[in-house]
């Protein structure tokens, strides 16, 4: 068997994206996943690729913006090889405004977006029209950003895995010895292992729950963000609803909190009232102590690296995460912001 240059542990979005980036650079890659592709947080339902607010600019926001702006071309490249849709579309997002103070803040952020997003997208305050796919807004105004996109998480992972296999990448389900440099993209379990190894908490898993409803005819409408709730229309006629953030839990099953999510969505958007439920999901999402991505060399383990974290923004930052970690592990080029390092 041909030896590999890079072993990637973890079959979620960080692991597969890194494998794709490394493969495009000519590296021989093996992906090792202990269970199945998408077994962790990446196998969820929501797929909201949304930007941080355009203010208080920092390395995480700049990093996320770069990744979001590359997404359309990047996913098109994956699909061209796999011949499978990832469900990506830059459909934008609507958010209701509750009062005049919220309007003023949104207008200030619009000015920030004009500068920080450099003309690639807009953050606008627009009037509501009363359409059935609009959130209720007491002042008759909404935020519309044109940067937000959606992706179908499970379709995206399937497309990436298929593209990798076309390129000759080995995907091992189970275990096998490491070869070459090793990148750990193992989500919540990886944060726990790194914390134990360093004898300090670098992050932890946070439970999330989401649901999927069936409602055809809204596939190209903007996603909605209403009082902390994501409502995301997907290309297959489903609507993703999510998600909870649970720091304490007794098990990883869906429960009454998922019921509450669905009820909130139906109340916020009456067109969903009779939409049948088709799926639920619960799992642990990796949250680094910094809340940002965790990228860099694994301390005290020569030749081992970490690509983890990215709480709630994993799919939205995976492209740039893959670039940075491959720069380091394959080329010895270190441009990782200090705040991202393990």
C-alpha atoms as a PDB file:
ATOM      1  CA  UNK A   1       0.000   0.000   0.000  1.00  0.00           C
ATOM      2  CA  UNK A   2       1.269   3.476  -0.886  1.00  0.00           C
ATOM      3  CA  UNK A   3       2.384   5.426   2.139  1.00  0.00           C
ATOM      4  CA  UNK A   4       0.540   8.643   2.891  1.00  0.00           C
ATOM      5  CA  UNK A   5       1.856  12.111   3.688  1.00  0.00           C
ATOM      6  CA  UNK A   6      -1.024  13.082   5.944  1.00  0.00           C
ATOM      7  CA  UNK A   7      -3.366  11.229   8.282  1.00  0.00           C
ATOM      8  CA  UNK A   8      -6.529  13.123   9.159  1.00  0.00           C
ATOM      9  CA  UNK A   9      -8.501  11.858  12.115  1.00  0.00           C
ATOM     10  CA  UNK A  10     -12.164  12.822  11.998  1.00  0.00           C
ATOM     11  CA  UNK A  11     -14.783  12.538   9.263  1.00  0.00           C
ATOM     12  CA  UNK A  12     -16.633  15.787   9.911  1.00  0.00           C
ATOM     13  CA  UNK A  13     -16.473  19.055   8.012  1.00  0.00           C
ATOM     14  CA  UNK A  14     -13.046  20.107   9.344  1.00  0.00           C
ATOM     15  CA  UNK A  15     -11.511  16.710   8.627  1.00  0.00           C
ATOM     16  CA  UNK A  16     -12.926  16.283   5.122  1.00  0.00           C
ATOM     17  CA  UNK A  17     -12.288  19.903   4.131  1.00  0.00           C
ATOM     18  CA  UNK A  18      -8.678  19.576   5.240  1.00  0.00           C
ATOM     19  CA  UNK A  19      -8.350  16.336   3.287  1.00  0.00           C
ATOM     20  CA  UNK A  20      -9.702  18.068   0.173  1.00  0.00           C
ATOM     21  CA  UNK A  21      -7.333  21.028   0.549  1.00  0.00           C
ATOM     22  CA  UNK A  22      -4.359  18.709   1.061  1.00  0.00           C
ATOM     23  CA  UNK A  23      -5.329  16.581  -1.920  1.00  0.00           C
ATOM     24  CA  UNK A  24      -5.563  19.626  -4.180  1.00  0.00           C
ATOM     25  CA  UNK A  25      -1.986  20.423  -3.114  1.00  0.00           C
ATOM     26  CA  UNK A  26      -0.835  17.002  -4.239  1.00  0.00           C
ATOM     27  CA  UNK A  27      -0.516  15.347  -0.834  1.00  0.00           C
ATOM     28  CA  UNK A  28      -1.319  11.665  -0.321  1.00  0.00           C
ATOM     29  CA  UNK A  29      -4.044  11.622   2.315  1.00  0.00           C
ATOM     30  CA  UNK A  30      -5.818   9.116   4.515  1.00  0.00           C
ATOM     31  CA  UNK A  31      -8.939  10.000   6.529  1.00  0.00           C
ATOM     32  CA  UNK A  32      -9.620   7.894   9.616  1.00  0.00           C
ATOM     33  CA  UNK A  33     -13.095   8.088  11.170  1.00  0.00           C
ATOM     34  CA  UNK A  34     -13.902   5.943  14.196  1.00  0.00           C
ATOM     35  CA  UNK A  35     -17.640   5.634  13.482  1.00  0.00           C
ATOM     36  CA  UNK A  36     -19.068   7.023  10.215  1.00  0.00           C
ATOM     37  CA  UNK A  37     -18.833  10.177   8.130  1.00  0.00           C
ATOM     38  CA  UNK A  38     -20.738  12.934   9.923  1.00  0.00           C
ATOM     39  CA  UNK A  39     -20.997  11.034  13.198  1.00  0.00           C
ATOM     40  CA  UNK A  40     -20.438  14.215  15.234  1.00  0.00           C
ATOM     41  CA  UNK A  41     -21.742  17.766  15.064  1.00  0.00           C
ATOM     42  CA  UNK A  42     -21.189  17.988  11.297  1.00  0.00           C
ATOM     43  CA  UNK A  43     -23.951  15.455  10.721  1.00  0.00           C
ATOM     44  CA  UNK A  44     -26.622  17.895  11.917  1.00  0.00           C
ATOM     45  CA  UNK A  45     -29.475  19.489  10.004  1.00  0.00           C
ATOM     46  CA  UNK A  46     -29.291  23.285  10.041  1.00  0.00           C
ATOM     47  CA  UNK A  47     -26.494  24.395   7.704  1.00  0.00           C
ATOM     48  CA  UNK A  48     -26.746  28.153   8.288  1.00  0.00           C
ATOM     49  CA  UNK A  49     -23.630  29.854   6.907  1.00  0.00           C
ATOM     50  CA  UNK A  50     -24.066  33.275   8.456  1.00  0.00           C
ATOM     51  CA  UNK A  51     -21.608  36.093   9.172  1.00  0.00           C
ATOM     52  CA  UNK A  52     -20.823  37.765  12.440  1.00  0.00           C
ATOM     53  CA  UNK A  53     -22.142  41.300  12.787  1.00  0.00           C
ATOM     54  CA  UNK A  54     -20.013  43.815  10.815  1.00  0.00           C
ATOM     55  CA  UNK A  55     -18.600  45.683  13.805  1.00  0.00           C
ATOM     56  CA  UNK A  56     -15.903  45.180  16.447  1.00  0.00           C
ATOM     57  CA  UNK A  57     -13.732  43.601  13.763  1.00  0.00           C
ATOM     58  CA  UNK A  58     -11.337  40.897  14.957  1.00  0.00           C
ATOM     59  CA  UNK A  59      -9.387  37.924  13.557  1.00  0.00           C
ATOM     60  CA  UNK A  60     -12.320  35.498  13.909  1.00  0.00           C
ATOM     61  CA  UNK A  61     -14.666  37.775  11.944  1.00  0.00           C
ATOM     62  CA  UNK A  62     -12.091  38.390   9.215  1.00  0.00           C
ATOM     63  CA  UNK A  63     -11.355  34.647   9.057  1.00  0.00           C
ATOM     64  CA  UNK A  64     -15.031  33.778   8.745  1.00  0.00           C
ATOM     65  CA  UNK A  65     -15.602  36.423   6.062  1.00  0.00           C
ATOM     66  CA  UNK A  66     -12.762  35.023   3.941  1.00  0.00           C
ATOM     67  CA  UNK A  67     -14.213  31.526   4.223  1.00  0.00           C
ATOM     68  CA  UNK A  68     -17.760  32.616   3.365  1.00  0.00           C
ATOM     69  CA  UNK A  69     -16.583  34.561   0.323  1.00  0.00           C
ATOM     70  CA  UNK A  70     -14.760  31.495  -1.023  1.00  0.00           C
ATOM     71  CA  UNK A  71     -17.656  29.106  -0.428  1.00  0.00           C
ATOM     72  CA  UNK A  72     -19.498  29.240  -3.763  1.00  0.00           C
ATOM     73  CA  UNK A  73     -16.425  28.491  -5.876  1.00  0.00           C
ATOM     74  CA  UNK A  74     -15.045  25.979  -3.368  1.00  0.00           C
ATOM     75  CA  UNK A  75     -18.206  23.882  -3.165  1.00  0.00           C
ATOM     76  CA  UNK A  76     -18.673  24.056  -6.927  1.00  0.00           C
ATOM     77  CA  UNK A  77     -15.208  22.520  -7.247  1.00  0.00           C
ATOM     78  CA  UNK A  78     -16.154  19.680  -4.916  1.00  0.00           C
ATOM     79  CA  UNK A  79     -19.413  19.017  -6.774  1.00  0.00           C
ATOM     80  CA  UNK A  80     -17.646  18.997 -10.142  1.00  0.00           C
ATOM     81  CA  UNK A  81     -15.581  16.028  -8.970  1.00  0.00           C
ATOM     82  CA  UNK A  82     -18.153  14.164  -6.872  1.00  0.00           C
ATOM     83  CA  UNK A  83     -21.148  14.775  -9.179  1.00  0.00           C
ATOM     84  CA  UNK A  84     -23.191  15.125  -5.987  1.00  0.00           C
ATOM     85  CA  UNK A  85     -24.886  18.304  -4.783  1.00  0.00           C
ATOM     86  CA  UNK A  86     -23.741  19.804  -1.492  1.00  0.00           C
ATOM     87  CA  UNK A  87     -26.942  21.863  -1.238  1.00  0.00           C
ATOM     88  CA  UNK A  88     -25.032  25.155  -1.196  1.00  0.00           C
ATOM     89  CA  UNK A  89     -26.693  28.449  -2.151  1.00  0.00           C
ATOM     90  CA  UNK A  90     -26.067  32.037  -1.141  1.00  0.00           C
ATOM     91  CA  UNK A  91     -29.669  32.905  -0.358  1.00  0.00           C
ATOM     92  CA  UNK A  92     -29.162  35.735   2.150  1.00  0.00           C
ATOM     93  CA  UNK A  93     -30.921  36.192   5.463  1.00  0.00           C
ATOM     94  CA  UNK A  94     -33.743  38.240   6.996  1.00  0.00           C
ATOM     95  CA  UNK A  95     -33.916  39.341  10.636  1.00  0.00           C
ATOM     96  CA  UNK A  96     -36.816  41.310  12.192  1.00  0.00           C
ATOM     97  CA  UNK A  97     -36.217  44.592  14.016  1.00  0.00           C
ATOM     98  CA  UNK A  98     -38.090  45.053  17.277  1.00  0.00           C
ATOM     99  CA  UNK A  99     -37.885  48.805  17.924  1.00  0.00           C
ATOM    100  CA  UNK A 100     -36.243  52.054  16.871  1.00  0.00           C
ATOM    101  CA  UNK A 101     -33.094  51.324  18.883  1.00  0.00           C
ATOM    102  CA  UNK A 102     -32.666  48.104  16.921  1.00  0.00           C
ATOM    103  CA  UNK A 103     -33.190  50.002  13.671  1.00  0.00           C
ATOM    104  CA  UNK A 104     -30.509  52.544  14.571  1.00  0.00           C
ATOM    105  CA  UNK A 105     -28.047  49.793  15.481  1.00  0.00           C
ATOM    106  CA  UNK A 106     -28.794  47.929  12.247  1.00  0.00           C
ATOM    107  CA  UNK A 107     -28.183  51.065  10.209  1.00  0.00           C
ATOM    108  CA  UNK A 108     -24.839  51.571  11.938  1.00  0.00           C
ATOM    109  CA  UNK A 109     -23.928  47.990  11.117  1.00  0.00           C
ATOM    110  CA  UNK A 110     -24.899  48.607   7.491  1.00  0.00           C
ATOM    111  CA  UNK A 111     -22.212  51.289   7.371  1.00  0.00           C
ATOM    112  CA  UNK A 112     -19.752  48.835   8.909  1.00  0.00           C
ATOM    113  CA  UNK A 113     -20.590  46.180   6.328  1.00  0.00           C
ATOM    114  CA  UNK A 114     -20.056  48.650   3.493  1.00  0.00           C
ATOM    115  CA  UNK A 115     -16.499  49.116   4.710  1.00  0.00           C
ATOM    116  CA  UNK A 116     -15.565  45.719   6.147  1.00  0.00           C
ATOM    117  CA  UNK A 117     -17.211  43.489   3.544  1.00  0.00           C
ATOM    118  CA  UNK A 118     -15.521  45.491   0.786  1.00  0.00           C
ATOM    119  CA  UNK A 119     -18.444  45.458  -1.611  1.00  0.00           C
ATOM    120  CA  UNK A 120     -18.731  41.657  -1.700  1.00  0.00           C
ATOM    121  CA  UNK A 121     -22.057  41.703   0.162  1.00  0.00           C
ATOM    122  CA  UNK A 122     -24.463  44.119   1.837  1.00  0.00           C
ATOM    123  CA  UNK A 123     -26.175  44.482   5.209  1.00  0.00           C
ATOM    124  CA  UNK A 124     -29.327  46.522   4.631  1.00  0.00           C
ATOM    125  CA  UNK A 125     -32.397  47.747   6.479  1.00  0.00           C
ATOM    126  CA  UNK A 126     -35.401  47.083   4.244  1.00  0.00           C
ATOM    127  CA  UNK A 127     -39.194  47.409   4.622  1.00  0.00           C
ATOM    128  CA  UNK A 128     -41.330  44.355   5.280  1.00  0.00           C
ATOM    129  CA  UNK A 129     -43.808  43.468   2.532  1.00  0.00           C
ATOM    130  CA  UNK A 130     -46.132  41.166   4.442  1.00  0.00           C
ATOM    131  CA  UNK A 131     -45.106  38.067   2.483  1.00  0.00           C
ATOM    132  CA  UNK A 132     -45.662  34.698   4.136  1.00  0.00           C
ATOM    133  CA  UNK A 133     -41.898  34.073   4.294  1.00  0.00           C
ATOM    134  CA  UNK A 134     -41.115  37.100   6.411  1.00  0.00           C
ATOM    135  CA  UNK A 135     -40.802  37.434  10.170  1.00  0.00           C
ATOM    136  CA  UNK A 136     -43.207  39.684  12.003  1.00  0.00           C
ATOM    137  CA  UNK A 137     -41.595  43.027  12.740  1.00  0.00           C
ATOM    138  CA  UNK A 138     -43.220  45.646  15.002  1.00  0.00           C
ATOM    139  CA  UNK A 139     -41.553  48.572  13.206  1.00  0.00           C
ATOM    140  CA  UNK A 140     -42.129  47.237   9.703  1.00  0.00           C
ATOM    141  CA  UNK A 141     -38.400  46.921   8.987  1.00  0.00           C
ATOM    142  CA  UNK A 142     -35.961  44.011   8.659  1.00  0.00           C
ATOM    143  CA  UNK A 143     -32.271  43.377   8.230  1.00  0.00           C
ATOM    144  CA  UNK A 144     -31.385  41.772   4.921  1.00  0.00           C
ATOM    145  CA  UNK A 145     -27.815  40.570   4.509  1.00  0.00           C
ATOM    146  CA  UNK A 146     -26.688  39.165   1.176  1.00  0.00           C
ATOM    147  CA  UNK A 147     -23.670  37.298   2.537  1.00  0.00           C
ATOM    148  CA  UNK A 148     -25.496  34.498   4.356  1.00  0.00           C
ATOM    149  CA  UNK A 149     -25.711  31.150   2.618  1.00  0.00           C
ATOM    150  CA  UNK A 150     -27.039  27.700   3.351  1.00  0.00           C
ATOM    151  CA  UNK A 151     -25.649  24.250   2.922  1.00  0.00           C
ATOM    152  CA  UNK A 152     -27.136  20.831   3.531  1.00  0.00           C
ATOM    153  CA  UNK A 153     -24.700  19.339   6.070  1.00  0.00           C
ATOM    154  CA  UNK A 154     -25.276  15.694   5.253  1.00  0.00           C
ATOM    155  CA  UNK A 155     -25.321  16.233   1.491  1.00  0.00           C
ATOM    156  CA  UNK A 156     -22.169  18.333   1.772  1.00  0.00           C
ATOM    157  CA  UNK A 157     -20.275  15.628   3.675  1.00  0.00           C
ATOM    158  CA  UNK A 158     -21.424  12.972   1.202  1.00  0.00           C
ATOM    159  CA  UNK A 159     -20.274  15.138  -1.703  1.00  0.00           C
ATOM    160  CA  UNK A 160     -16.893  15.782  -0.090  1.00  0.00           C
ATOM    161  CA  UNK A 161     -16.349  12.111   0.765  1.00  0.00           C
ATOM    162  CA  UNK A 162     -17.218  11.069  -2.782  1.00  0.00           C
ATOM    163  CA  UNK A 163     -14.903  13.708  -4.279  1.00  0.00           C
ATOM    164  CA  UNK A 164     -12.056  12.551  -2.035  1.00  0.00           C
ATOM    165  CA  UNK A 165     -12.526   8.957  -3.109  1.00  0.00           C
ATOM    166  CA  UNK A 166     -12.495   9.979  -6.775  1.00  0.00           C
ATOM    167  CA  UNK A 167      -9.141  11.618  -6.049  1.00  0.00           C
ATOM    168  CA  UNK A 168      -7.836   8.401  -4.518  1.00  0.00           C
ATOM    169  CA  UNK A 169      -8.034   9.377  -0.838  1.00  0.00           C
ATOM    170  CA  UNK A 170      -8.356   6.463   1.562  1.00  0.00           C
ATOM    171  CA  UNK A 171     -11.301   6.784   3.958  1.00  0.00           C
ATOM    172  CA  UNK A 172     -10.977   4.276   6.793  1.00  0.00           C
ATOM    173  CA  UNK A 173     -13.918   3.626   9.124  1.00  0.00           C
ATOM    174  CA  UNK A 174     -12.511   2.205  12.338  1.00  0.00           C
ATOM    175  CA  UNK A 175      -8.814   2.598  13.104  1.00  0.00           C
ATOM    176  CA  UNK A 176      -5.433   2.235  11.496  1.00  0.00           C
ATOM    177  CA  UNK A 177      -1.916   3.380  12.415  1.00  0.00           C
ATOM    178  CA  UNK A 178      -0.945   6.983  11.724  1.00  0.00           C
ATOM    179  CA  UNK A 179       1.349   7.811   8.831  1.00  0.00           C
ATOM    180  CA  UNK A 180       2.952  11.140   8.045  1.00  0.00           C
ATOM    181  CA  UNK A 181       1.758  14.268   9.774  1.00  0.00           C
ATOM    182  CA  UNK A 182      -1.434  13.807  11.790  1.00  0.00           C
ATOM    183  CA  UNK A 183      -4.274  16.303  11.976  1.00  0.00           C
ATOM    184  CA  UNK A 184      -6.850  15.817  14.713  1.00  0.00           C
ATOM    185  CA  UNK A 185     -10.272  17.075  13.648  1.00  0.00           C
ATOM    186  CA  UNK A 186     -12.252  15.033  16.135  1.00  0.00           C
ATOM    187  CA  UNK A 187     -14.745  17.530  17.523  1.00  0.00           C
ATOM    188  CA  UNK A 188     -15.906  17.373  21.122  1.00  0.00           C
ATOM    189  CA  UNK A 189     -13.963  14.189  21.841  1.00  0.00           C
ATOM    190  CA  UNK A 190     -10.836  15.851  20.501  1.00  0.00           C
ATOM    191  CA  UNK A 191     -11.273  18.855  22.784  1.00  0.00           C
ATOM    192  CA  UNK A 192     -11.583  16.515  25.752  1.00  0.00           C
ATOM    193  CA  UNK A 193      -8.423  14.625  24.743  1.00  0.00           C
ATOM    194  CA  UNK A 194      -6.457  17.847  24.228  1.00  0.00           C
ATOM    195  CA  UNK A 195      -7.657  19.229  27.568  1.00  0.00           C
ATOM    196  CA  UNK A 196      -6.556  16.059  29.348  1.00  0.00           C
ATOM    197  CA  UNK A 197      -3.181  16.066  27.624  1.00  0.00           C
ATOM    198  CA  UNK A 198      -2.493  19.725  28.488  1.00  0.00           C
ATOM    199  CA  UNK A 199      -4.023  19.485  31.967  1.00  0.00           C
ATOM    200  CA  UNK A 200      -6.231  22.501  31.298  1.00  0.00           C
ATOM    201  CA  UNK A 201      -9.621  23.027  29.715  1.00  0.00           C
ATOM    202  CA  UNK A 202      -9.261  24.171  26.113  1.00  0.00           C
ATOM    203  CA  UNK A 203     -12.891  23.481  25.236  1.00  0.00           C
ATOM    204  CA  UNK A 204     -15.821  21.147  25.683  1.00  0.00           C
ATOM    205  CA  UNK A 205     -18.844  19.710  23.956  1.00  0.00           C
ATOM    206  CA  UNK A 206     -22.149  21.595  24.068  1.00  0.00           C
ATOM    207  CA  UNK A 207     -25.348  19.727  23.254  1.00  0.00           C
ATOM    208  CA  UNK A 208     -27.510  21.021  20.436  1.00  0.00           C
ATOM    209  CA  UNK A 209     -30.833  19.899  18.992  1.00  0.00           C
ATOM    210  CA  UNK A 210     -32.472  20.672  15.657  1.00  0.00           C
ATOM    211  CA  UNK A 211     -35.427  19.580  13.553  1.00  0.00           C
ATOM    212  CA  UNK A 212     -36.412  19.299   9.899  1.00  0.00           C
ATOM    213  CA  UNK A 213     -39.844  20.099   8.473  1.00  0.00           C
ATOM    214  CA  UNK A 214     -41.207  19.470   4.979  1.00  0.00           C
ATOM    215  CA  UNK A 215     -42.429  22.514   3.026  1.00  0.00           C
ATOM    216  CA  UNK A 216     -41.865  22.662  -0.724  1.00  0.00           C
ATOM    217  CA  UNK A 217     -41.839  25.870  -2.742  1.00  0.00           C
ATOM    218  CA  UNK A 218     -39.528  27.915  -0.516  1.00  0.00           C
ATOM    219  CA  UNK A 219     -36.180  26.480  -1.592  1.00  0.00           C
ATOM    220  CA  UNK A 220     -34.685  29.789  -2.783  1.00  0.00           C
ATOM    221  CA  UNK A 221     -36.107  32.083  -0.100  1.00  0.00           C
ATOM    222  CA  UNK A 222     -33.744  33.759   2.376  1.00  0.00           C
ATOM    223  CA  UNK A 223     -33.043  32.026   5.635  1.00  0.00           C
ATOM    224  CA  UNK A 224     -34.503  33.663   8.722  1.00  0.00           C
ATOM    225  CA  UNK A 225     -33.019  34.482  12.104  1.00  0.00           C
ATOM    226  CA  UNK A 226     -35.751  35.243  14.606  1.00  0.00           C
ATOM    227  CA  UNK A 227     -34.973  35.768  18.293  1.00  0.00           C
ATOM    228  CA  UNK A 228     -32.036  33.360  18.224  1.00  0.00           C
ATOM    229  CA  UNK A 229     -33.811  30.792  16.040  1.00  0.00           C
ATOM    230  CA  UNK A 230     -32.468  29.730  12.628  1.00  0.00           C
ATOM    231  CA  UNK A 231     -35.040  28.803   9.971  1.00  0.00           C
ATOM    232  CA  UNK A 232     -33.240  27.581   6.865  1.00  0.00           C
ATOM    233  CA  UNK A 233     -34.891  26.465   3.597  1.00  0.00           C
ATOM    234  CA  UNK A 234     -32.995  23.707   1.818  1.00  0.00           C
ATOM    235  CA  UNK A 235     -32.910  22.697  -1.825  1.00  0.00           C
ATOM    236  CA  UNK A 236     -34.780  19.430  -1.201  1.00  0.00           C
ATOM    237  CA  UNK A 237     -37.965  21.117   0.040  1.00  0.00           C
ATOM    238  CA  UNK A 238     -37.142  20.822   3.732  1.00  0.00           C
ATOM    239  CA  UNK A 239     -36.885  23.569   6.342  1.00  0.00           C
ATOM    240  CA  UNK A 240     -34.250  23.230   9.054  1.00  0.00           C
ATOM    241  CA  UNK A 241     -35.032  24.591  12.519  1.00  0.00           C
ATOM    242  CA  UNK A 242     -32.338  25.082  15.105  1.00  0.00           C
ATOM    243  CA  UNK A 243     -30.776  25.018  17.441  1.00  0.00           C
ATOM    244  CA  UNK A 244     -30.576  24.647  21.180  1.00  0.00           C
ATOM    245  CA  UNK A 245     -27.455  25.397  23.237  1.00  0.00           C
ATOM    246  CA  UNK A 246     -27.314  23.104  26.262  1.00  0.00           C
ATOM    247  CA  UNK A 247     -24.391  23.174  28.668  1.00  0.00           C
ATOM    248  CA  UNK A 248     -25.993  20.514  30.853  1.00  0.00           C
ATOM    249  CA  UNK A 249     -27.728  17.358  29.704  1.00  0.00           C
ATOM    250  CA  UNK A 250     -28.435  13.821  30.823  1.00  0.00           C
ATOM    251  CA  UNK A 251     -28.200  12.130  27.407  1.00  0.00           C
ATOM    252  CA  UNK A 252     -27.822  12.965  23.729  1.00  0.00           C
ATOM    253  CA  UNK A 253     -31.374  12.141  22.691  1.00  0.00           C
ATOM    254  CA  UNK A 254     -33.834  14.733  21.397  1.00  0.00           C
ATOM    255  CA  UNK A 255     -36.367  15.803  23.991  1.00  0.00           C
ATOM    256  CA  UNK A 256     -38.873  18.491  24.958  1.00  0.00           C
ATOM    257  CA  UNK A 257     -36.417  21.233  24.045  1.00  0.00           C
ATOM    258  CA  UNK A 258     -36.655  20.093  20.435  1.00  0.00           C
ATOM    259  CA  UNK A 259     -40.449  20.216  20.709  1.00  0.00           C
ATOM    260  CA  UNK A 260     -40.089  23.806  21.894  1.00  0.00           C
ATOM    261  CA  UNK A 261     -37.882  24.695  18.918  1.00  0.00           C
ATOM    262  CA  UNK A 262     -40.511  23.483  16.492  1.00  0.00           C
ATOM    263  CA  UNK A 263     -43.285  25.277  18.348  1.00  0.00           C
ATOM    264  CA  UNK A 264     -41.321  28.545  18.339  1.00  0.00           C
ATOM    265  CA  UNK A 265     -40.726  28.235  14.604  1.00  0.00           C
ATOM    266  CA  UNK A 266     -44.404  27.570  13.845  1.00  0.00           C
ATOM    267  CA  UNK A 267     -45.419  30.547  15.975  1.00  0.00           C
ATOM    268  CA  UNK A 268     -42.828  32.855  14.414  1.00  0.00           C
ATOM    269  CA  UNK A 269     -43.705  31.849  10.850  1.00  0.00           C
ATOM    270  CA  UNK A 270     -47.337  30.734  10.428  1.00  0.00           C
ATOM    271  CA  UNK A 271     -46.648  29.208   6.998  1.00  0.00           C
ATOM    272  CA  UNK A 272     -44.871  26.419   8.904  1.00  0.00           C
ATOM    273  CA  UNK A 273     -47.928  25.609  11.011  1.00  0.00           C
ATOM    274  CA  UNK A 274     -48.932  22.484   9.109  1.00  0.00           C
ATOM    275  CA  UNK A 275     -45.501  21.526   7.752  1.00  0.00           C
ATOM    276  CA  UNK A 276     -44.872  17.899   8.781  1.00  0.00           C
ATOM    277  CA  UNK A 277     -41.811  16.986  10.801  1.00  0.00           C
ATOM    278  CA  UNK A 278     -39.423  14.668   8.968  1.00  0.00           C
ATOM    279  CA  UNK A 279     -36.329  14.430  11.170  1.00  0.00           C
ATOM    280  CA  UNK A 280     -34.694  15.426  14.444  1.00  0.00           C
ATOM    281  CA  UNK A 281     -31.058  15.597  15.489  1.00  0.00           C
ATOM    282  CA  UNK A 282     -29.129  15.929  18.732  1.00  0.00           C
ATOM    283  CA  UNK A 283     -25.388  15.901  19.288  1.00  0.00           C
ATOM    284  CA  UNK A 284     -22.352  17.545  20.825  1.00  0.00           C
ATOM    285  CA  UNK A 285     -20.845  20.595  19.117  1.00  0.00           C
ATOM    286  CA  UNK A 286     -17.201  21.406  19.912  1.00  0.00           C
ATOM    287  CA  UNK A 287     -16.796  24.737  21.667  1.00  0.00           C
ATOM    288  CA  UNK A 288     -13.267  25.970  22.279  1.00  0.00           C
ATOM    289  CA  UNK A 289     -12.738  28.137  25.324  1.00  0.00           C
ATOM    290  CA  UNK A 290     -12.150  31.081  22.972  1.00  0.00           C
ATOM    291  CA  UNK A 291     -15.416  30.315  21.071  1.00  0.00           C
ATOM    292  CA  UNK A 292     -13.352  30.634  17.899  1.00  0.00           C
ATOM    293  CA  UNK A 293     -11.558  27.943  15.897  1.00  0.00           C
ATOM    294  CA  UNK A 294      -8.692  25.998  17.448  1.00  0.00           C
ATOM    295  CA  UNK A 295      -5.956  25.546  14.847  1.00  0.00           C
ATOM    296  CA  UNK A 296      -2.257  24.756  15.134  1.00  0.00           C
ATOM    297  CA  UNK A 297       0.372  22.356  16.388  1.00  0.00           C
ATOM    298  CA  UNK A 298      -0.584  19.975  19.205  1.00  0.00           C
ATOM    299  CA  UNK A 299       1.761  21.017  22.044  1.00  0.00           C
ATOM    300  CA  UNK A 300       4.351  18.399  22.957  1.00  0.00           C
ATOM    301  CA  UNK A 301       3.313  16.060  20.107  1.00  0.00           C
ATOM    302  CA  UNK A 302       5.741  16.497  17.236  1.00  0.00           C
ATOM    303  CA  UNK A 303       4.079  16.138  13.848  1.00  0.00           C
ATOM    304  CA  UNK A 304       0.560  16.340  15.292  1.00  0.00           C
ATOM    305  CA  UNK A 305      -1.866  19.204  14.660  1.00  0.00           C
ATOM    306  CA  UNK A 306      -5.334  20.323  15.724  1.00  0.00           C
ATOM    307  CA  UNK A 307      -8.261  21.596  13.638  1.00  0.00           C
ATOM    308  CA  UNK A 308     -11.221  21.944  15.970  1.00  0.00           C
ATOM    309  CA  UNK A 309     -13.640  24.341  17.660  1.00  0.00           C
ATOM    310  CA  UNK A 310     -15.534  26.801  15.504  1.00  0.00           C
ATOM    311  CA  UNK A 311     -18.637  26.643  17.708  1.00  0.00           C
ATOM    312  CA  UNK A 312     -21.718  27.129  15.486  1.00  0.00           C
ATOM    313  CA  UNK A 313     -19.520  28.341  12.610  1.00  0.00           C
ATOM    314  CA  UNK A 314     -17.843  25.085  11.597  1.00  0.00           C
ATOM    315  CA  UNK A 315     -19.216  24.872   8.059  1.00  0.00           C
ATOM    316  CA  UNK A 316     -18.751  28.621   7.670  1.00  0.00           C
ATOM    317  CA  UNK A 317     -15.045  28.522   8.577  1.00  0.00           C
ATOM    318  CA  UNK A 318     -13.954  25.081   7.353  1.00  0.00           C
ATOM    319  CA  UNK A 319     -12.478  26.341   4.083  1.00  0.00           C
ATOM    320  CA  UNK A 320     -10.045  28.754   5.723  1.00  0.00           C
ATOM    321  CA  UNK A 321      -9.355  26.304   8.552  1.00  0.00           C
ATOM    322  CA  UNK A 322      -8.246  23.761   5.956  1.00  0.00           C
ATOM    323  CA  UNK A 323      -6.001  26.307   4.262  1.00  0.00           C
ATOM    324  CA  UNK A 324      -4.260  27.378   7.472  1.00  0.00           C
ATOM    325  CA  UNK A 325      -3.683  23.893   8.841  1.00  0.00           C
ATOM    326  CA  UNK A 326      -2.394  22.587   5.491  1.00  0.00           C
ATOM    327  CA  UNK A 327      -0.060  25.573   5.203  1.00  0.00           C
ATOM    328  CA  UNK A 328       1.394  24.588   8.563  1.00  0.00           C
ATOM    329  CA  UNK A 329       1.391  20.783   8.395  1.00  0.00           C
ATOM    330  CA  UNK A 330       2.408  20.391   4.750  1.00  0.00           C
ATOM    331  CA  UNK A 331       4.398  23.519   3.940  1.00  0.00           C
ATOM    332  CA  UNK A 332       5.708  24.708   7.311  1.00  0.00           C
ATOM    333  CA  UNK A 333       4.069  28.085   6.741  1.00  0.00           C
ATOM    334  CA  UNK A 334       2.547  29.496   9.923  1.00  0.00           C
ATOM    335  CA  UNK A 335       0.102  32.390   9.498  1.00  0.00           C
ATOM    336  CA  UNK A 336      -2.341  31.260  12.185  1.00  0.00           C
ATOM    337  CA  UNK A 337      -3.617  34.089  14.418  1.00  0.00           C
ATOM    338  CA  UNK A 338      -2.356  33.709  17.982  1.00  0.00           C
ATOM    339  CA  UNK A 339      -5.897  33.580  19.382  1.00  0.00           C
ATOM    340  CA  UNK A 340      -6.594  30.392  17.366  1.00  0.00           C
ATOM    341  CA  UNK A 341      -3.681  28.339  18.692  1.00  0.00           C
ATOM    342  CA  UNK A 342      -4.197  25.369  21.038  1.00  0.00           C
END
